[in-house]
């Protein structure tokens, strides 16, 4: 029964947080938050030392989307570093690596008011003002993220390219490994891998990367970007990866004619990022990362479907994602053809 699950979570969490935090904590309400496909996420209504609080809990699921995703302890540490450097990230509150408490490791952060469902962000009339501000706000947040020194901020655990590998080559190797693991081989994927291999750009610089920066992983309020969320794919890589990724058609949520995130033409966003970061952006490299993004997301869609088919995380959402792989392959091929390469 769902009520039994909720009551158990509330009682165990109240006891753990009271014991570990030194102040009495009562979890008064707990409800699952829909929309996350990679982690179990809950909205908590709590009292901490007599004061009302609203928190979000993120907990592991039985299976994972991508094997090299961060642990909850690592994701918590990354969010904490971003928050302390002025990135609009939720304030982290508590971390528990002991699976005995809730069955899986988890962390808790402040609740931030906003919409994260991509289609609502792009299409809701009440967020028209937010959409007008988002391109520059997203550029500013990315520039700030990319300026954080990982080694000086306790982020040495982040995945990074192997010795002798450029970030583009590392991304290719990971995509190949995922397809091999799934035993998923077809002409479109093989052509895309070969094309990306032949045209892989050398990184002009290597920085901290959020790893999944797009509409859908932002909380958007009336004034625009309220918080950057879902940091589990943070890594060290080519910052241009994060300029191409949100341009993917799948992240435009019905506004396919607006290249950047369904919000505006791509050039406006790239110029805003250049102004914020002080770094000149190579447009052809951004093109490559958009193509690579479609290839990897196509492979990831198959991996999501496999989570359902394996029986570990039975989900209609995961099952339906499997069919999206064909759409990503088509978009990848269309982009390669459009560039005449």
C-alpha atoms as a PDB file:
ATOM      1  CA  UNK A   1       0.000   0.000   0.000  1.00  0.00           C
ATOM      2  CA  UNK A   2       1.217   3.494  -0.896  1.00  0.00           C
ATOM      3  CA  UNK A   3       0.119   4.847   2.489  1.00  0.00           C
ATOM      4  CA  UNK A   4       2.360   2.324   4.248  1.00  0.00           C
ATOM      5  CA  UNK A   5       5.327   3.375   2.092  1.00  0.00           C
ATOM      6  CA  UNK A   6       4.726   7.046   2.882  1.00  0.00           C
ATOM      7  CA  UNK A   7       4.288   6.475   6.622  1.00  0.00           C
ATOM      8  CA  UNK A   8       7.460   4.387   6.805  1.00  0.00           C
ATOM      9  CA  UNK A   9       9.439   7.025   4.940  1.00  0.00           C
ATOM     10  CA  UNK A  10       8.125   9.803   7.197  1.00  0.00           C
ATOM     11  CA  UNK A  11       8.887   7.998  10.455  1.00  0.00           C
ATOM     12  CA  UNK A  12      12.343   6.738   9.457  1.00  0.00           C
ATOM     13  CA  UNK A  13      13.350  10.059   7.991  1.00  0.00           C
ATOM     14  CA  UNK A  14      12.134  12.027  11.001  1.00  0.00           C
ATOM     15  CA  UNK A  15      14.122   9.806  13.354  1.00  0.00           C
ATOM     16  CA  UNK A  16      17.287   9.891  11.242  1.00  0.00           C
ATOM     17  CA  UNK A  17      17.296  13.671  10.688  1.00  0.00           C
ATOM     18  CA  UNK A  18      16.584  14.380  14.352  1.00  0.00           C
ATOM     19  CA  UNK A  19      19.435  12.135  15.429  1.00  0.00           C
ATOM     20  CA  UNK A  20      21.958  13.362  12.870  1.00  0.00           C
ATOM     21  CA  UNK A  21      21.065  17.069  12.815  1.00  0.00           C
ATOM     22  CA  UNK A  22      20.813  17.875  16.497  1.00  0.00           C
ATOM     23  CA  UNK A  23      17.389  19.549  16.144  1.00  0.00           C
ATOM     24  CA  UNK A  24      13.968  17.894  16.263  1.00  0.00           C
ATOM     25  CA  UNK A  25      12.681  17.139  12.751  1.00  0.00           C
ATOM     26  CA  UNK A  26       9.179  15.994  11.886  1.00  0.00           C
ATOM     27  CA  UNK A  27       8.301  15.007   8.331  1.00  0.00           C
ATOM     28  CA  UNK A  28       4.624  15.924   8.173  1.00  0.00           C
ATOM     29  CA  UNK A  29       3.885  15.235   4.517  1.00  0.00           C
ATOM     30  CA  UNK A  30       5.693  13.262   1.803  1.00  0.00           C
ATOM     31  CA  UNK A  31       4.591  12.812  -1.778  1.00  0.00           C
ATOM     32  CA  UNK A  32       6.345  11.562  -4.898  1.00  0.00           C
ATOM     33  CA  UNK A  33       7.227  14.163  -7.545  1.00  0.00           C
ATOM     34  CA  UNK A  34       6.366  13.028 -11.049  1.00  0.00           C
ATOM     35  CA  UNK A  35       8.625  13.616 -14.043  1.00  0.00           C
ATOM     36  CA  UNK A  36      12.002  12.233 -13.001  1.00  0.00           C
ATOM     37  CA  UNK A  37      13.095   9.214 -15.031  1.00  0.00           C
ATOM     38  CA  UNK A  38      16.387   8.563 -13.282  1.00  0.00           C
ATOM     39  CA  UNK A  39      15.827   9.066  -9.533  1.00  0.00           C
ATOM     40  CA  UNK A  40      13.082   8.612  -6.961  1.00  0.00           C
ATOM     41  CA  UNK A  41      12.111  12.171  -5.978  1.00  0.00           C
ATOM     42  CA  UNK A  42       9.829  13.296  -3.124  1.00  0.00           C
ATOM     43  CA  UNK A  43       8.427  16.600  -1.911  1.00  0.00           C
ATOM     44  CA  UNK A  44       8.627  16.860   1.876  1.00  0.00           C
ATOM     45  CA  UNK A  45       6.707  19.146   4.229  1.00  0.00           C
ATOM     46  CA  UNK A  46       8.730  19.269   7.438  1.00  0.00           C
ATOM     47  CA  UNK A  47       9.255  21.050  10.727  1.00  0.00           C
ATOM     48  CA  UNK A  48      12.868  21.709  11.740  1.00  0.00           C
ATOM     49  CA  UNK A  49      13.336  23.035  15.269  1.00  0.00           C
ATOM     50  CA  UNK A  50       9.780  24.353  15.179  1.00  0.00           C
ATOM     51  CA  UNK A  51      10.124  26.066  11.767  1.00  0.00           C
ATOM     52  CA  UNK A  52       8.206  24.962   8.673  1.00  0.00           C
ATOM     53  CA  UNK A  53      10.326  23.709   5.781  1.00  0.00           C
ATOM     54  CA  UNK A  54       9.758  22.451   2.232  1.00  0.00           C
ATOM     55  CA  UNK A  55      12.399  20.053   0.972  1.00  0.00           C
ATOM     56  CA  UNK A  56      13.041  17.710  -1.932  1.00  0.00           C
ATOM     57  CA  UNK A  57      14.470  14.226  -1.387  1.00  0.00           C
ATOM     58  CA  UNK A  58      16.377  12.387  -4.161  1.00  0.00           C
ATOM     59  CA  UNK A  59      16.931   8.674  -3.781  1.00  0.00           C
ATOM     60  CA  UNK A  60      18.372   5.934  -5.988  1.00  0.00           C
ATOM     61  CA  UNK A  61      16.119   3.589  -7.940  1.00  0.00           C
ATOM     62  CA  UNK A  62      16.808  -0.170  -8.299  1.00  0.00           C
ATOM     63  CA  UNK A  63      18.347   0.338 -11.760  1.00  0.00           C
ATOM     64  CA  UNK A  64      20.266   3.148 -13.443  1.00  0.00           C
ATOM     65  CA  UNK A  65      19.978   4.930 -16.775  1.00  0.00           C
ATOM     66  CA  UNK A  66      23.730   5.358 -17.290  1.00  0.00           C
ATOM     67  CA  UNK A  67      26.367   3.405 -15.388  1.00  0.00           C
ATOM     68  CA  UNK A  68      28.762   6.339 -14.964  1.00  0.00           C
ATOM     69  CA  UNK A  69      26.143   8.601 -13.318  1.00  0.00           C
ATOM     70  CA  UNK A  70      27.187  10.157 -10.020  1.00  0.00           C
ATOM     71  CA  UNK A  71      26.291   8.617  -6.688  1.00  0.00           C
ATOM     72  CA  UNK A  72      23.976  10.602  -4.418  1.00  0.00           C
ATOM     73  CA  UNK A  73      26.938  11.619  -2.252  1.00  0.00           C
ATOM     74  CA  UNK A  74      28.798  12.869  -5.324  1.00  0.00           C
ATOM     75  CA  UNK A  75      25.763  14.691  -6.712  1.00  0.00           C
ATOM     76  CA  UNK A  76      25.197  16.345  -3.328  1.00  0.00           C
ATOM     77  CA  UNK A  77      28.825  17.495  -3.210  1.00  0.00           C
ATOM     78  CA  UNK A  78      28.583  18.917  -6.744  1.00  0.00           C
ATOM     79  CA  UNK A  79      25.343  20.790  -5.995  1.00  0.00           C
ATOM     80  CA  UNK A  80      26.927  22.176  -2.829  1.00  0.00           C
ATOM     81  CA  UNK A  81      29.935  23.491  -4.781  1.00  0.00           C
ATOM     82  CA  UNK A  82      27.685  25.036  -7.432  1.00  0.00           C
ATOM     83  CA  UNK A  83      25.448  26.653  -4.806  1.00  0.00           C
ATOM     84  CA  UNK A  84      28.442  28.105  -2.983  1.00  0.00           C
ATOM     85  CA  UNK A  85      29.731  29.604  -6.254  1.00  0.00           C
ATOM     86  CA  UNK A  86      26.524  31.471  -6.951  1.00  0.00           C
ATOM     87  CA  UNK A  87      24.919  29.075  -9.395  1.00  0.00           C
ATOM     88  CA  UNK A  88      21.150  29.022  -9.073  1.00  0.00           C
ATOM     89  CA  UNK A  89      21.086  25.539  -7.580  1.00  0.00           C
ATOM     90  CA  UNK A  90      18.852  24.400  -4.700  1.00  0.00           C
ATOM     91  CA  UNK A  91      20.448  24.744  -1.277  1.00  0.00           C
ATOM     92  CA  UNK A  92      21.632  21.278  -0.165  1.00  0.00           C
ATOM     93  CA  UNK A  93      20.565  20.293   3.356  1.00  0.00           C
ATOM     94  CA  UNK A  94      21.246  16.668   4.333  1.00  0.00           C
ATOM     95  CA  UNK A  95      23.120  13.678   2.906  1.00  0.00           C
ATOM     96  CA  UNK A  96      22.731  10.017   3.896  1.00  0.00           C
ATOM     97  CA  UNK A  97      24.886   7.314   2.326  1.00  0.00           C
ATOM     98  CA  UNK A  98      23.521   4.561   4.593  1.00  0.00           C
ATOM     99  CA  UNK A  99      20.988   2.428   2.666  1.00  0.00           C
ATOM    100  CA  UNK A 100      19.616   1.077   5.955  1.00  0.00           C
ATOM    101  CA  UNK A 101      17.682   4.308   6.542  1.00  0.00           C
ATOM    102  CA  UNK A 102      15.466   4.414   3.424  1.00  0.00           C
ATOM    103  CA  UNK A 103      16.672   1.427   1.438  1.00  0.00           C
ATOM    104  CA  UNK A 104      18.880   3.544  -0.847  1.00  0.00           C
ATOM    105  CA  UNK A 105      21.304   6.465  -0.382  1.00  0.00           C
ATOM    106  CA  UNK A 106      19.593   9.860  -0.535  1.00  0.00           C
ATOM    107  CA  UNK A 107      20.031  13.570  -0.053  1.00  0.00           C
ATOM    108  CA  UNK A 108      17.688  16.431   0.775  1.00  0.00           C
ATOM    109  CA  UNK A 109      17.733  19.959  -0.636  1.00  0.00           C
ATOM    110  CA  UNK A 110      15.509  23.007  -0.391  1.00  0.00           C
ATOM    111  CA  UNK A 111      12.365  23.068  -2.483  1.00  0.00           C
ATOM    112  CA  UNK A 112      12.437  25.764  -5.180  1.00  0.00           C
ATOM    113  CA  UNK A 113       9.170  26.961  -6.676  1.00  0.00           C
ATOM    114  CA  UNK A 114       9.051  26.540 -10.437  1.00  0.00           C
ATOM    115  CA  UNK A 115       8.022  24.439 -13.417  1.00  0.00           C
ATOM    116  CA  UNK A 116      10.356  21.743 -14.737  1.00  0.00           C
ATOM    117  CA  UNK A 117       8.066  20.014 -17.258  1.00  0.00           C
ATOM    118  CA  UNK A 118       9.520  21.032 -20.598  1.00  0.00           C
ATOM    119  CA  UNK A 119       6.292  21.292 -22.569  1.00  0.00           C
ATOM    120  CA  UNK A 120       4.760  23.565 -19.925  1.00  0.00           C
ATOM    121  CA  UNK A 121       7.836  25.794 -19.870  1.00  0.00           C
ATOM    122  CA  UNK A 122       7.736  26.218 -23.641  1.00  0.00           C
ATOM    123  CA  UNK A 123       3.992  26.502 -24.160  1.00  0.00           C
ATOM    124  CA  UNK A 124       2.318  27.916 -21.018  1.00  0.00           C
ATOM    125  CA  UNK A 125       1.027  31.484 -21.620  1.00  0.00           C
ATOM    126  CA  UNK A 126       1.822  32.461 -18.029  1.00  0.00           C
ATOM    127  CA  UNK A 127       5.540  31.761 -18.642  1.00  0.00           C
ATOM    128  CA  UNK A 128       5.851  33.987 -21.727  1.00  0.00           C
ATOM    129  CA  UNK A 129       7.928  36.518 -19.790  1.00  0.00           C
ATOM    130  CA  UNK A 130      10.171  33.780 -18.466  1.00  0.00           C
ATOM    131  CA  UNK A 131      10.799  32.458 -21.983  1.00  0.00           C
ATOM    132  CA  UNK A 132      11.908  35.913 -23.094  1.00  0.00           C
ATOM    133  CA  UNK A 133      14.544  35.995 -20.350  1.00  0.00           C
ATOM    134  CA  UNK A 134      15.688  32.360 -20.369  1.00  0.00           C
ATOM    135  CA  UNK A 135      18.308  32.360 -23.192  1.00  0.00           C
ATOM    136  CA  UNK A 136      20.482  34.961 -21.471  1.00  0.00           C
ATOM    137  CA  UNK A 137      19.838  33.483 -18.028  1.00  0.00           C
ATOM    138  CA  UNK A 138      20.809  29.995 -19.216  1.00  0.00           C
ATOM    139  CA  UNK A 139      23.952  31.363 -20.849  1.00  0.00           C
ATOM    140  CA  UNK A 140      24.905  33.145 -17.615  1.00  0.00           C
ATOM    141  CA  UNK A 141      24.415  30.015 -15.508  1.00  0.00           C
ATOM    142  CA  UNK A 142      26.448  27.862 -17.889  1.00  0.00           C
ATOM    143  CA  UNK A 143      29.283  30.379 -17.902  1.00  0.00           C
ATOM    144  CA  UNK A 144      29.296  30.353 -14.090  1.00  0.00           C
ATOM    145  CA  UNK A 145      29.253  26.538 -13.944  1.00  0.00           C
ATOM    146  CA  UNK A 146      32.122  26.289 -16.422  1.00  0.00           C
ATOM    147  CA  UNK A 147      34.184  28.742 -14.369  1.00  0.00           C
ATOM    148  CA  UNK A 148      34.171  26.538 -11.233  1.00  0.00           C
ATOM    149  CA  UNK A 149      37.565  24.908 -10.634  1.00  0.00           C
ATOM    150  CA  UNK A 150      36.806  21.217  -9.924  1.00  0.00           C
ATOM    151  CA  UNK A 151      40.150  20.436  -8.300  1.00  0.00           C
ATOM    152  CA  UNK A 152      39.946  23.397  -5.927  1.00  0.00           C
ATOM    153  CA  UNK A 153      36.431  22.517  -4.807  1.00  0.00           C
ATOM    154  CA  UNK A 154      36.616  18.862  -3.839  1.00  0.00           C
ATOM    155  CA  UNK A 155      35.284  17.598  -7.164  1.00  0.00           C
ATOM    156  CA  UNK A 156      38.182  15.346  -8.086  1.00  0.00           C
ATOM    157  CA  UNK A 157      35.767  12.378  -8.238  1.00  0.00           C
ATOM    158  CA  UNK A 158      34.024  13.682 -11.351  1.00  0.00           C
ATOM    159  CA  UNK A 159      34.333  11.503 -14.465  1.00  0.00           C
ATOM    160  CA  UNK A 160      36.816  12.890 -16.960  1.00  0.00           C
ATOM    161  CA  UNK A 161      38.339  11.818 -20.271  1.00  0.00           C
ATOM    162  CA  UNK A 162      40.954   9.117 -20.019  1.00  0.00           C
ATOM    163  CA  UNK A 163      44.591   9.957 -20.675  1.00  0.00           C
ATOM    164  CA  UNK A 164      45.101  10.533 -24.379  1.00  0.00           C
ATOM    165  CA  UNK A 165      41.369  11.051 -25.043  1.00  0.00           C
ATOM    166  CA  UNK A 166      39.712  14.343 -25.994  1.00  0.00           C
ATOM    167  CA  UNK A 167      36.227  14.853 -24.510  1.00  0.00           C
ATOM    168  CA  UNK A 168      34.721  14.136 -27.926  1.00  0.00           C
ATOM    169  CA  UNK A 169      36.603  10.842 -28.166  1.00  0.00           C
ATOM    170  CA  UNK A 170      35.516   9.916 -24.638  1.00  0.00           C
ATOM    171  CA  UNK A 171      31.877  10.651 -25.496  1.00  0.00           C
ATOM    172  CA  UNK A 172      32.164   8.419 -28.538  1.00  0.00           C
ATOM    173  CA  UNK A 173      33.683   5.595 -26.519  1.00  0.00           C
ATOM    174  CA  UNK A 174      30.857   5.816 -23.971  1.00  0.00           C
ATOM    175  CA  UNK A 175      28.208   5.740 -26.704  1.00  0.00           C
ATOM    176  CA  UNK A 176      29.825   2.691 -28.300  1.00  0.00           C
ATOM    177  CA  UNK A 177      30.019   0.942 -24.932  1.00  0.00           C
ATOM    178  CA  UNK A 178      26.339   1.600 -24.221  1.00  0.00           C
ATOM    179  CA  UNK A 179      25.249   0.250 -27.612  1.00  0.00           C
ATOM    180  CA  UNK A 180      27.488  -2.791 -27.177  1.00  0.00           C
ATOM    181  CA  UNK A 181      26.033  -3.448 -23.730  1.00  0.00           C
ATOM    182  CA  UNK A 182      22.518  -3.288 -25.177  1.00  0.00           C
ATOM    183  CA  UNK A 183      23.555  -5.342 -28.214  1.00  0.00           C
ATOM    184  CA  UNK A 184      21.954  -2.547 -30.249  1.00  0.00           C
ATOM    185  CA  UNK A 185      23.566  -2.228 -33.648  1.00  0.00           C
ATOM    186  CA  UNK A 186      21.949  -0.866 -36.780  1.00  0.00           C
ATOM    187  CA  UNK A 187      23.118   1.101 -39.834  1.00  0.00           C
ATOM    188  CA  UNK A 188      22.010   4.505 -38.513  1.00  0.00           C
ATOM    189  CA  UNK A 189      23.876   4.188 -35.216  1.00  0.00           C
ATOM    190  CA  UNK A 190      26.952   2.752 -36.923  1.00  0.00           C
ATOM    191  CA  UNK A 191      26.985   5.526 -39.530  1.00  0.00           C
ATOM    192  CA  UNK A 192      26.558   8.172 -36.837  1.00  0.00           C
ATOM    193  CA  UNK A 193      29.391   6.762 -34.755  1.00  0.00           C
ATOM    194  CA  UNK A 194      31.688   6.641 -37.772  1.00  0.00           C
ATOM    195  CA  UNK A 195      30.805  10.181 -38.860  1.00  0.00           C
ATOM    196  CA  UNK A 196      31.331  11.558 -35.357  1.00  0.00           C
ATOM    197  CA  UNK A 197      34.651   9.752 -35.139  1.00  0.00           C
ATOM    198  CA  UNK A 198      35.848  11.289 -38.418  1.00  0.00           C
ATOM    199  CA  UNK A 199      34.778  14.828 -37.462  1.00  0.00           C
ATOM    200  CA  UNK A 200      35.420  14.891 -33.703  1.00  0.00           C
ATOM    201  CA  UNK A 201      36.589  18.360 -32.596  1.00  0.00           C
ATOM    202  CA  UNK A 202      39.560  18.901 -30.323  1.00  0.00           C
ATOM    203  CA  UNK A 203      38.553  20.710 -27.134  1.00  0.00           C
ATOM    204  CA  UNK A 204      39.928  24.238 -26.800  1.00  0.00           C
ATOM    205  CA  UNK A 205      39.439  23.945 -23.027  1.00  0.00           C
ATOM    206  CA  UNK A 206      38.194  21.408 -20.494  1.00  0.00           C
ATOM    207  CA  UNK A 207      35.893  22.474 -17.655  1.00  0.00           C
ATOM    208  CA  UNK A 208      33.273  21.353 -15.187  1.00  0.00           C
ATOM    209  CA  UNK A 209      30.069  20.406 -17.032  1.00  0.00           C
ATOM    210  CA  UNK A 210      26.560  19.983 -15.637  1.00  0.00           C
ATOM    211  CA  UNK A 211      26.069  17.129 -18.096  1.00  0.00           C
ATOM    212  CA  UNK A 212      22.318  17.455 -18.761  1.00  0.00           C
ATOM    213  CA  UNK A 213      21.720  21.193 -19.055  1.00  0.00           C
ATOM    214  CA  UNK A 214      18.438  21.768 -20.891  1.00  0.00           C
ATOM    215  CA  UNK A 215      14.809  22.770 -20.547  1.00  0.00           C
ATOM    216  CA  UNK A 216      13.366  20.029 -18.368  1.00  0.00           C
ATOM    217  CA  UNK A 217      16.285  20.142 -15.926  1.00  0.00           C
ATOM    218  CA  UNK A 218      15.620  23.731 -14.929  1.00  0.00           C
ATOM    219  CA  UNK A 219      12.993  25.109 -12.606  1.00  0.00           C
ATOM    220  CA  UNK A 220      11.310  28.034 -14.314  1.00  0.00           C
ATOM    221  CA  UNK A 221       9.180  30.637 -12.533  1.00  0.00           C
ATOM    222  CA  UNK A 222       7.508  33.810 -13.790  1.00  0.00           C
ATOM    223  CA  UNK A 223      10.792  35.749 -13.727  1.00  0.00           C
ATOM    224  CA  UNK A 224      12.680  33.007 -15.564  1.00  0.00           C
ATOM    225  CA  UNK A 225      15.291  30.532 -14.382  1.00  0.00           C
ATOM    226  CA  UNK A 226      14.803  29.747 -10.698  1.00  0.00           C
ATOM    227  CA  UNK A 227      17.141  26.766 -10.255  1.00  0.00           C
ATOM    228  CA  UNK A 228      19.377  24.327 -12.128  1.00  0.00           C
ATOM    229  CA  UNK A 229      18.548  20.771 -11.041  1.00  0.00           C
ATOM    230  CA  UNK A 230      19.458  17.129 -11.816  1.00  0.00           C
ATOM    231  CA  UNK A 231      23.259  17.223 -11.530  1.00  0.00           C
ATOM    232  CA  UNK A 232      23.827  13.452 -11.614  1.00  0.00           C
ATOM    233  CA  UNK A 233      25.648  13.529 -14.970  1.00  0.00           C
ATOM    234  CA  UNK A 234      28.192  16.143 -13.931  1.00  0.00           C
ATOM    235  CA  UNK A 235      31.655  15.534 -15.371  1.00  0.00           C
ATOM    236  CA  UNK A 236      34.795  17.166 -16.707  1.00  0.00           C
ATOM    237  CA  UNK A 237      34.536  17.817 -20.425  1.00  0.00           C
ATOM    238  CA  UNK A 238      34.298  20.232 -23.323  1.00  0.00           C
ATOM    239  CA  UNK A 239      32.013  23.139 -22.351  1.00  0.00           C
ATOM    240  CA  UNK A 240      30.802  23.310 -25.968  1.00  0.00           C
ATOM    241  CA  UNK A 241      29.005  20.019 -25.307  1.00  0.00           C
ATOM    242  CA  UNK A 242      26.605  22.007 -23.125  1.00  0.00           C
ATOM    243  CA  UNK A 243      25.998  24.589 -25.845  1.00  0.00           C
ATOM    244  CA  UNK A 244      25.005  21.987 -28.433  1.00  0.00           C
ATOM    245  CA  UNK A 245      22.971  19.740 -26.153  1.00  0.00           C
ATOM    246  CA  UNK A 246      20.043  22.092 -25.339  1.00  0.00           C
ATOM    247  CA  UNK A 247      19.713  22.808 -29.075  1.00  0.00           C
ATOM    248  CA  UNK A 248      18.568  19.241 -29.781  1.00  0.00           C
ATOM    249  CA  UNK A 249      15.118  19.017 -31.349  1.00  0.00           C
ATOM    250  CA  UNK A 250      13.863  16.754 -28.572  1.00  0.00           C
ATOM    251  CA  UNK A 251      14.524  19.515 -26.025  1.00  0.00           C
ATOM    252  CA  UNK A 252      12.470  22.114 -27.944  1.00  0.00           C
ATOM    253  CA  UNK A 253       9.187  20.559 -26.786  1.00  0.00           C
ATOM    254  CA  UNK A 254       7.119  21.345 -29.866  1.00  0.00           C
ATOM    255  CA  UNK A 255       8.831  24.599 -30.859  1.00  0.00           C
ATOM    256  CA  UNK A 256      11.019  22.893 -33.430  1.00  0.00           C
ATOM    257  CA  UNK A 257      11.578  26.048 -35.488  1.00  0.00           C
ATOM    258  CA  UNK A 258      13.443  27.746 -32.611  1.00  0.00           C
ATOM    259  CA  UNK A 259      16.833  26.069 -32.611  1.00  0.00           C
ATOM    260  CA  UNK A 260      17.892  26.881 -29.077  1.00  0.00           C
ATOM    261  CA  UNK A 261      15.664  25.034 -26.592  1.00  0.00           C
ATOM    262  CA  UNK A 262      12.460  26.046 -28.402  1.00  0.00           C
ATOM    263  CA  UNK A 263      13.144  29.594 -27.173  1.00  0.00           C
ATOM    264  CA  UNK A 264      15.129  31.478 -29.819  1.00  0.00           C
ATOM    265  CA  UNK A 265      17.628  31.191 -32.632  1.00  0.00           C
ATOM    266  CA  UNK A 266      20.857  29.538 -31.559  1.00  0.00           C
ATOM    267  CA  UNK A 267      23.070  32.533 -32.372  1.00  0.00           C
ATOM    268  CA  UNK A 268      21.413  34.699 -29.726  1.00  0.00           C
ATOM    269  CA  UNK A 269      22.235  32.126 -27.051  1.00  0.00           C
ATOM    270  CA  UNK A 270      25.822  31.590 -28.238  1.00  0.00           C
ATOM    271  CA  UNK A 271      26.519  35.315 -28.261  1.00  0.00           C
ATOM    272  CA  UNK A 272      25.099  35.624 -24.757  1.00  0.00           C
ATOM    273  CA  UNK A 273      27.385  32.821 -23.584  1.00  0.00           C
ATOM    274  CA  UNK A 274      30.405  34.491 -25.227  1.00  0.00           C
ATOM    275  CA  UNK A 275      29.560  37.751 -23.472  1.00  0.00           C
ATOM    276  CA  UNK A 276      29.205  36.033 -20.076  1.00  0.00           C
ATOM    277  CA  UNK A 277      32.226  33.729 -20.362  1.00  0.00           C
ATOM    278  CA  UNK A 278      34.593  35.901 -22.363  1.00  0.00           C
ATOM    279  CA  UNK A 279      35.332  32.874 -24.569  1.00  0.00           C
ATOM    280  CA  UNK A 280      34.902  32.673 -28.345  1.00  0.00           C
ATOM    281  CA  UNK A 281      32.685  29.738 -29.375  1.00  0.00           C
ATOM    282  CA  UNK A 282      33.529  27.554 -32.375  1.00  0.00           C
ATOM    283  CA  UNK A 283      30.181  27.069 -34.139  1.00  0.00           C
ATOM    284  CA  UNK A 284      31.209  23.923 -36.027  1.00  0.00           C
ATOM    285  CA  UNK A 285      32.130  22.226 -32.737  1.00  0.00           C
ATOM    286  CA  UNK A 286      28.706  23.114 -31.313  1.00  0.00           C
ATOM    287  CA  UNK A 287      27.181  21.500 -34.421  1.00  0.00           C
ATOM    288  CA  UNK A 288      29.138  18.317 -33.710  1.00  0.00           C
ATOM    289  CA  UNK A 289      28.009  18.182 -30.103  1.00  0.00           C
ATOM    290  CA  UNK A 290      24.370  18.576 -31.150  1.00  0.00           C
ATOM    291  CA  UNK A 291      24.743  15.608 -33.518  1.00  0.00           C
ATOM    292  CA  UNK A 292      26.533  13.635 -30.829  1.00  0.00           C
ATOM    293  CA  UNK A 293      23.793  14.537 -28.374  1.00  0.00           C
ATOM    294  CA  UNK A 294      21.162  12.968 -30.617  1.00  0.00           C
ATOM    295  CA  UNK A 295      23.256   9.828 -30.988  1.00  0.00           C
ATOM    296  CA  UNK A 296      23.760   9.448 -27.236  1.00  0.00           C
ATOM    297  CA  UNK A 297      20.158  10.266 -26.388  1.00  0.00           C
ATOM    298  CA  UNK A 298      19.014   7.663 -28.917  1.00  0.00           C
ATOM    299  CA  UNK A 299      21.191   5.060 -27.207  1.00  0.00           C
ATOM    300  CA  UNK A 300      19.972   6.216 -23.785  1.00  0.00           C
ATOM    301  CA  UNK A 301      16.344   5.826 -24.871  1.00  0.00           C
ATOM    302  CA  UNK A 302      17.092   2.177 -25.590  1.00  0.00           C
ATOM    303  CA  UNK A 303      18.764   1.868 -22.188  1.00  0.00           C
ATOM    304  CA  UNK A 304      15.665   3.314 -20.522  1.00  0.00           C
ATOM    305  CA  UNK A 305      13.455   0.801 -22.297  1.00  0.00           C
ATOM    306  CA  UNK A 306      15.806  -1.948 -21.137  1.00  0.00           C
ATOM    307  CA  UNK A 307      15.221  -0.926 -17.511  1.00  0.00           C
ATOM    308  CA  UNK A 308      11.554  -1.759 -18.041  1.00  0.00           C
ATOM    309  CA  UNK A 309      12.183  -4.922 -20.048  1.00  0.00           C
ATOM    310  CA  UNK A 310      14.627  -6.217 -17.428  1.00  0.00           C
ATOM    311  CA  UNK A 311      11.877  -6.097 -14.805  1.00  0.00           C
ATOM    312  CA  UNK A 312      14.009  -4.002 -12.430  1.00  0.00           C
ATOM    313  CA  UNK A 313      11.999  -0.782 -12.924  1.00  0.00           C
ATOM    314  CA  UNK A 314       8.705  -1.623 -14.609  1.00  0.00           C
ATOM    315  CA  UNK A 315       7.446   1.640 -16.101  1.00  0.00           C
ATOM    316  CA  UNK A 316       5.268   2.652 -19.036  1.00  0.00           C
ATOM    317  CA  UNK A 317       7.426   5.786 -19.341  1.00  0.00           C
ATOM    318  CA  UNK A 318      10.626   3.768 -19.701  1.00  0.00           C
ATOM    319  CA  UNK A 319       8.970   1.413 -22.164  1.00  0.00           C
ATOM    320  CA  UNK A 320       7.708   4.298 -24.305  1.00  0.00           C
ATOM    321  CA  UNK A 321      11.150   5.915 -24.433  1.00  0.00           C
ATOM    322  CA  UNK A 322      12.464   2.975 -26.432  1.00  0.00           C
ATOM    323  CA  UNK A 323      10.573   4.070 -29.530  1.00  0.00           C
ATOM    324  CA  UNK A 324      12.149   7.538 -29.323  1.00  0.00           C
ATOM    325  CA  UNK A 325      15.484   6.034 -30.344  1.00  0.00           C
ATOM    326  CA  UNK A 326      14.313   5.979 -33.979  1.00  0.00           C
ATOM    327  CA  UNK A 327      13.458   9.691 -33.820  1.00  0.00           C
ATOM    328  CA  UNK A 328      16.944  10.518 -32.522  1.00  0.00           C
ATOM    329  CA  UNK A 329      18.565   8.496 -35.289  1.00  0.00           C
ATOM    330  CA  UNK A 330      16.523  10.347 -37.914  1.00  0.00           C
ATOM    331  CA  UNK A 331      17.415  13.741 -36.442  1.00  0.00           C
ATOM    332  CA  UNK A 332      21.091  12.784 -36.273  1.00  0.00           C
ATOM    333  CA  UNK A 333      21.093  11.802 -39.962  1.00  0.00           C
ATOM    334  CA  UNK A 334      19.175  14.949 -40.923  1.00  0.00           C
ATOM    335  CA  UNK A 335      21.721  17.177 -39.182  1.00  0.00           C
ATOM    336  CA  UNK A 336      24.656  15.428 -40.844  1.00  0.00           C
ATOM    337  CA  UNK A 337      22.985  15.795 -44.250  1.00  0.00           C
ATOM    338  CA  UNK A 338      22.155  19.467 -43.631  1.00  0.00           C
ATOM    339  CA  UNK A 339      25.824  20.211 -43.014  1.00  0.00           C
ATOM    340  CA  UNK A 340      26.781  18.608 -46.311  1.00  0.00           C
ATOM    341  CA  UNK A 341      29.293  16.340 -44.617  1.00  0.00           C
END
